[in-house]
Amino acid sequence: MPRNSLLEAPPYAVEQALRKFGSNLRTARLRRGITIAEVAGKIGTGTRAVMDAERGKASTGVAVYAALLWSFDLLPAFEDLANPLKDEQGLLLARRREPTRARRGRGLDNDF
């Protein structure tokens, strides 16, 4: 069975973003004085999953990342990711598809 190439070699920008995210999670944990074992127990996973998340490994499940954010009271920032109201490009594309004027349908009339 072929492995997911995204996990083996993600695009450079994705890899860098995950590394930065992992580093940020590690900083949040250390500032709170929590050990890897303690946070792993709190979110119900093993220490390896926490260590992998803090390294920004692409194979780490999004649930682990979300649970870590929750454990540090940082989950609201995660909930705002990909907010459609803040998607400038998506909003622009949607506006281009909106009709510029209203038209009446050509229904049947009673003109005989």
Protein backbone atom coordinates (compact mmCIF):
# COMPACT_ATOMS: atom_id res chain seq x y z
CA MET A 1 0.00 0.00 0.00
CA PRO A 2 1.57 3.35 -1.04
CA ARG A 3 2.15 5.91 1.68
CA ASN A 4 0.69 9.36 1.54
CA SER A 5 3.35 11.54 -0.10
CA LEU A 6 1.99 14.59 1.73
CA LEU A 7 3.06 13.02 5.02
CA GLU A 8 6.48 11.99 3.72
CA ALA A 9 7.35 15.24 1.94
CA PRO A 10 4.83 18.04 2.48
CA PRO A 11 5.23 21.30 0.54
CA TYR A 12 7.94 23.44 2.09
CA ALA A 13 5.52 26.12 3.29
CA VAL A 14 3.33 23.48 4.98
CA GLU A 15 6.34 21.88 6.64
CA GLN A 16 7.54 25.24 7.97
CA ALA A 17 4.07 26.19 9.24
CA LEU A 18 3.75 22.86 11.08
CA ARG A 19 7.19 23.27 12.64
CA LYS A 20 6.32 26.77 13.83
CA PHE A 21 2.96 25.55 15.16
CA GLY A 22 4.67 22.71 17.02
CA SER A 23 7.22 25.09 18.48
CA ASN A 24 4.43 27.40 19.61
CA LEU A 25 2.66 24.47 21.30
CA ARG A 26 5.88 23.53 23.10
CA THR A 27 6.34 27.12 24.29
CA ALA A 28 2.74 27.19 25.56
CA ARG A 29 3.29 23.94 27.47
CA LEU A 30 6.57 25.08 29.01
CA ARG A 31 5.15 28.46 30.04
CA ARG A 32 2.43 26.60 31.91
CA GLY A 33 4.96 24.34 33.59
CA ILE A 34 3.31 21.16 32.29
CA THR A 35 5.27 18.05 31.40
CA ILE A 36 4.71 16.08 28.21
CA ALA A 37 3.35 13.18 30.27
CA GLU A 38 0.89 15.46 32.09
CA VAL A 39 -0.52 17.00 28.91
CA ALA A 40 -0.66 13.60 27.22
CA GLY A 41 -2.69 12.27 30.14
CA LYS A 42 -4.99 15.28 30.07
CA ILE A 43 -5.82 14.88 26.38
CA GLY A 44 -5.88 11.09 26.50
CA THR A 45 -2.98 10.24 24.21
CA GLY A 46 0.57 8.96 24.52
CA THR A 47 3.66 11.03 25.07
CA ARG A 48 4.91 10.18 21.55
CA ALA A 49 1.90 11.97 20.00
CA VAL A 50 2.62 15.11 22.03
CA MET A 51 6.30 15.01 21.13
CA ASP A 52 5.44 14.55 17.45
CA ALA A 53 3.02 17.49 17.57
CA GLU A 54 5.66 19.69 19.19
CA ARG A 55 8.02 18.76 16.36
CA GLY A 56 5.36 19.66 13.81
CA LYS A 57 5.21 16.21 12.24
CA ALA A 58 2.77 16.12 9.33
CA SER A 59 1.60 12.64 10.33
CA THR A 60 0.26 13.88 13.68
CA GLY A 61 -3.53 13.87 13.65
CA VAL A 62 -5.40 17.14 13.72
CA ALA A 63 -7.25 15.91 16.82
CA VAL A 64 -3.97 15.88 18.75
CA TYR A 65 -3.22 19.45 17.70
CA ALA A 66 -6.76 20.58 18.59
CA ALA A 67 -6.64 18.80 21.94
CA LEU A 68 -3.32 20.43 22.80
CA LEU A 69 -4.80 23.83 21.99
CA TRP A 70 -7.77 22.99 24.19
CA SER A 71 -5.52 21.92 27.05
CA PHE A 72 -3.75 25.30 26.90
CA ASP A 73 -7.03 27.28 26.59
CA LEU A 74 -6.09 28.31 23.05
CA LEU A 75 -8.87 26.53 21.16
CA PRO A 76 -10.80 29.69 20.10
CA ALA A 77 -7.95 30.56 17.69
CA PHE A 78 -8.31 27.11 16.10
CA GLU A 79 -12.06 27.55 15.73
CA ASP A 80 -11.43 30.71 13.69
CA LEU A 81 -9.19 28.98 11.12
CA ALA A 82 -10.57 29.12 7.57
CA ASN A 83 -13.38 31.42 8.71
CA PRO A 84 -15.45 32.07 5.55
CA LEU A 85 -16.03 35.67 6.62
CA LYS A 86 -12.26 36.29 6.64
CA ASP A 87 -11.55 34.50 3.33
CA GLU A 88 -10.90 37.54 1.15
CA GLN A 89 -10.21 35.55 -2.02
CA GLY A 90 -13.28 33.35 -1.53
CA LEU A 91 -15.49 36.38 -0.88
CA LEU A 92 -14.17 38.07 -4.01
CA LEU A 93 -14.87 34.98 -6.12
CA ALA A 94 -18.36 34.67 -4.65
CA ARG A 95 -19.09 38.32 -5.48
CA ARG A 96 -18.05 37.78 -9.09
CA ARG A 97 -20.66 35.03 -9.43
CA GLU A 98 -23.49 37.06 -7.90
CA PRO A 99 -26.02 38.42 -10.38
CA THR A 100 -25.75 42.14 -11.08
CA ARG A 101 -29.49 42.58 -11.69
CA ALA A 102 -32.72 40.77 -10.97
CA ARG A 103 -34.73 39.19 -13.79
CA ARG A 104 -38.27 38.00 -13.83
CA GLY A 105 -38.87 34.46 -14.95
CA ARG A 106 -40.65 33.91 -18.26
CA GLY A 107 -43.64 32.15 -16.84
CA LEU A 108 -47.02 31.61 -18.53
CA ASP A 109 -49.34 34.56 -18.74
CA ASN A 110 -53.07 34.80 -19.28
CA ASP A 111 -52.79 36.90 -22.44
CA PHE A 112 -54.84 35.20 -25.17
